[in-house]
């Protein structure tokens, strides 16, 4: 598909969205919509005083950093064993996929 064709489709979808878009929602807002919201940056700034949050952030940062360093150096570390870059990439992929599934299971 050419760029002008894609642009035409995008403009058509935008036009249809603007025509159809309702002026107000079909249902009234929830009770939580009337509550006062705290300032986002004030909340972020207050986290620096919470020890539990700092421990969580540091532990997550260390574990993520170690895994990412290991994955980025996997090709270099496996080169002496005559494993190609493609195979090292697949090894890294297969090593990370179970972590995604286990995090979903443990997170529940």
C-alpha atoms as a PDB file:
ATOM      1  CA  UNK A   1       0.000   0.000   0.000  1.00  0.00           C
ATOM      2  CA  UNK A   2       1.362   3.408  -0.889  1.00  0.00           C
ATOM      3  CA  UNK A   3       1.783   6.299   1.525  1.00  0.00           C
ATOM      4  CA  UNK A   4      -0.996   8.446  -0.026  1.00  0.00           C
ATOM      5  CA  UNK A   5      -3.401   5.498   0.214  1.00  0.00           C
ATOM      6  CA  UNK A   6      -2.537   4.934   3.879  1.00  0.00           C
ATOM      7  CA  UNK A   7      -2.935   8.659   4.534  1.00  0.00           C
ATOM      8  CA  UNK A   8      -6.347   8.582   2.862  1.00  0.00           C
ATOM      9  CA  UNK A   9      -7.493   5.659   5.016  1.00  0.00           C
ATOM     10  CA  UNK A  10      -6.249   7.388   8.181  1.00  0.00           C
ATOM     11  CA  UNK A  11      -8.049  10.615   7.265  1.00  0.00           C
ATOM     12  CA  UNK A  12     -11.253   8.691   6.518  1.00  0.00           C
ATOM     13  CA  UNK A  13     -11.107   6.895   9.879  1.00  0.00           C
ATOM     14  CA  UNK A  14     -10.413  10.199  11.656  1.00  0.00           C
ATOM     15  CA  UNK A  15     -13.358  11.851   9.913  1.00  0.00           C
ATOM     16  CA  UNK A  16     -15.705   8.974  10.782  1.00  0.00           C
ATOM     17  CA  UNK A  17     -14.529   9.079  14.396  1.00  0.00           C
ATOM     18  CA  UNK A  18     -15.135  12.827  14.642  1.00  0.00           C
ATOM     19  CA  UNK A  19     -18.604  12.465  13.135  1.00  0.00           C
ATOM     20  CA  UNK A  20     -19.624   9.560  15.379  1.00  0.00           C
ATOM     21  CA  UNK A  21     -17.964  10.706  18.635  1.00  0.00           C
ATOM     22  CA  UNK A  22     -20.718  11.472  21.190  1.00  0.00           C
ATOM     23  CA  UNK A  23     -20.816  14.793  23.042  1.00  0.00           C
ATOM     24  CA  UNK A  24     -21.206  13.072  26.421  1.00  0.00           C
ATOM     25  CA  UNK A  25     -20.815   9.532  27.755  1.00  0.00           C
ATOM     26  CA  UNK A  26     -23.820   7.194  27.653  1.00  0.00           C
ATOM     27  CA  UNK A  27     -23.711   6.682  31.442  1.00  0.00           C
ATOM     28  CA  UNK A  28     -23.024   9.207  34.206  1.00  0.00           C
ATOM     29  CA  UNK A  29     -19.536   9.155  35.746  1.00  0.00           C
ATOM     30  CA  UNK A  30     -18.768   6.882  38.675  1.00  0.00           C
ATOM     31  CA  UNK A  31     -18.637   8.000  42.311  1.00  0.00           C
ATOM     32  CA  UNK A  32     -14.834   7.990  42.220  1.00  0.00           C
ATOM     33  CA  UNK A  33     -14.867  10.670  39.511  1.00  0.00           C
ATOM     34  CA  UNK A  34     -15.993  13.250  42.084  1.00  0.00           C
ATOM     35  CA  UNK A  35     -13.124  12.584  44.520  1.00  0.00           C
ATOM     36  CA  UNK A  36     -10.218  14.987  44.707  1.00  0.00           C
ATOM     37  CA  UNK A  37      -7.071  13.733  43.057  1.00  0.00           C
ATOM     38  CA  UNK A  38      -3.628  14.159  44.555  1.00  0.00           C
ATOM     39  CA  UNK A  39      -0.984  15.892  42.502  1.00  0.00           C
ATOM     40  CA  UNK A  40       1.022  13.278  40.579  1.00  0.00           C
ATOM     41  CA  UNK A  41       4.439  14.832  41.177  1.00  0.00           C
ATOM     42  CA  UNK A  42       3.694  15.395  44.849  1.00  0.00           C
ATOM     43  CA  UNK A  43       2.923  11.681  45.183  1.00  0.00           C
ATOM     44  CA  UNK A  44       6.089  10.697  43.334  1.00  0.00           C
ATOM     45  CA  UNK A  45       8.146  13.071  45.492  1.00  0.00           C
ATOM     46  CA  UNK A  46       6.672  11.579  48.688  1.00  0.00           C
ATOM     47  CA  UNK A  47       7.830   8.083  47.662  1.00  0.00           C
ATOM     48  CA  UNK A  48      11.452   9.037  48.308  1.00  0.00           C
ATOM     49  CA  UNK A  49      10.737   8.935  52.051  1.00  0.00           C
ATOM     50  CA  UNK A  50       9.164   5.466  52.053  1.00  0.00           C
ATOM     51  CA  UNK A  51      11.666   2.734  52.885  1.00  0.00           C
ATOM     52  CA  UNK A  52       9.464  -0.045  51.491  1.00  0.00           C
ATOM     53  CA  UNK A  53       9.274   1.665  48.107  1.00  0.00           C
ATOM     54  CA  UNK A  54      13.025   2.284  47.998  1.00  0.00           C
ATOM     55  CA  UNK A  55      13.747  -1.380  48.798  1.00  0.00           C
ATOM     56  CA  UNK A  56      11.311  -2.483  46.116  1.00  0.00           C
ATOM     57  CA  UNK A  57      12.781  -0.127  43.505  1.00  0.00           C
ATOM     58  CA  UNK A  58      16.382  -1.115  44.286  1.00  0.00           C
ATOM     59  CA  UNK A  59      15.639  -4.858  44.263  1.00  0.00           C
ATOM     60  CA  UNK A  60      13.754  -4.568  40.979  1.00  0.00           C
ATOM     61  CA  UNK A  61      16.501  -2.442  39.457  1.00  0.00           C
ATOM     62  CA  UNK A  62      19.254  -4.858  40.464  1.00  0.00           C
ATOM     63  CA  UNK A  63      17.419  -7.958  39.230  1.00  0.00           C
ATOM     64  CA  UNK A  64      16.445  -6.322  35.945  1.00  0.00           C
ATOM     65  CA  UNK A  65      19.943  -4.945  35.431  1.00  0.00           C
ATOM     66  CA  UNK A  66      21.605  -8.304  36.023  1.00  0.00           C
ATOM     67  CA  UNK A  67      19.263 -10.106  33.634  1.00  0.00           C
ATOM     68  CA  UNK A  68      19.683  -7.465  30.920  1.00  0.00           C
ATOM     69  CA  UNK A  69      23.475  -7.467  31.271  1.00  0.00           C
ATOM     70  CA  UNK A  70      23.518 -11.257  31.086  1.00  0.00           C
ATOM     71  CA  UNK A  71      21.322 -11.249  27.980  1.00  0.00           C
ATOM     72  CA  UNK A  72      23.327  -8.556  26.213  1.00  0.00           C
ATOM     73  CA  UNK A  73      26.630 -10.368  26.827  1.00  0.00           C
ATOM     74  CA  UNK A  74      25.311 -13.843  26.021  1.00  0.00           C
ATOM     75  CA  UNK A  75      26.734 -13.816  22.489  1.00  0.00           C
ATOM     76  CA  UNK A  76      30.187 -12.801  23.743  1.00  0.00           C
ATOM     77  CA  UNK A  77      30.179 -15.441  26.472  1.00  0.00           C
ATOM     78  CA  UNK A  78      29.056 -18.248  24.148  1.00  0.00           C
ATOM     79  CA  UNK A  79      31.462 -17.416  21.304  1.00  0.00           C
ATOM     80  CA  UNK A  80      34.267 -19.696  22.673  1.00  0.00           C
ATOM     81  CA  UNK A  81      31.833 -22.627  22.446  1.00  0.00           C
ATOM     82  CA  UNK A  82      31.289 -21.953  18.709  1.00  0.00           C
ATOM     83  CA  UNK A  83      27.661 -20.916  19.185  1.00  0.00           C
ATOM     84  CA  UNK A  84      26.503 -18.450  16.558  1.00  0.00           C
ATOM     85  CA  UNK A  85      24.936 -15.082  17.295  1.00  0.00           C
ATOM     86  CA  UNK A  86      21.563 -16.324  16.076  1.00  0.00           C
ATOM     87  CA  UNK A  87      21.677 -19.374  18.340  1.00  0.00           C
ATOM     88  CA  UNK A  88      22.714 -17.201  21.286  1.00  0.00           C
ATOM     89  CA  UNK A  89      19.755 -14.944  20.572  1.00  0.00           C
ATOM     90  CA  UNK A  90      17.387 -17.909  20.624  1.00  0.00           C
ATOM     91  CA  UNK A  91      18.954 -19.153  23.871  1.00  0.00           C
ATOM     92  CA  UNK A  92      18.334 -15.747  25.424  1.00  0.00           C
ATOM     93  CA  UNK A  93      14.779 -15.760  24.110  1.00  0.00           C
ATOM     94  CA  UNK A  94      14.052 -19.225  25.498  1.00  0.00           C
ATOM     95  CA  UNK A  95      15.595 -18.219  28.819  1.00  0.00           C
ATOM     96  CA  UNK A  96      13.377 -15.140  29.153  1.00  0.00           C
ATOM     97  CA  UNK A  97      10.007 -16.539  28.022  1.00  0.00           C
ATOM     98  CA  UNK A  98       9.443 -18.744  31.112  1.00  0.00           C
ATOM     99  CA  UNK A  99      10.063 -15.696  33.283  1.00  0.00           C
ATOM    100  CA  UNK A 100       7.137 -13.909  31.665  1.00  0.00           C
ATOM    101  CA  UNK A 101       4.776 -16.805  32.337  1.00  0.00           C
ATOM    102  CA  UNK A 102       6.014 -17.338  35.906  1.00  0.00           C
ATOM    103  CA  UNK A 103       5.594 -13.643  36.666  1.00  0.00           C
ATOM    104  CA  UNK A 104       1.956 -13.884  35.561  1.00  0.00           C
ATOM    105  CA  UNK A 105       1.422 -16.946  37.750  1.00  0.00           C
ATOM    106  CA  UNK A 106       3.210 -15.543  40.802  1.00  0.00           C
ATOM    107  CA  UNK A 107       1.560 -12.146  40.403  1.00  0.00           C
ATOM    108  CA  UNK A 108      -1.891 -13.618  40.899  1.00  0.00           C
END
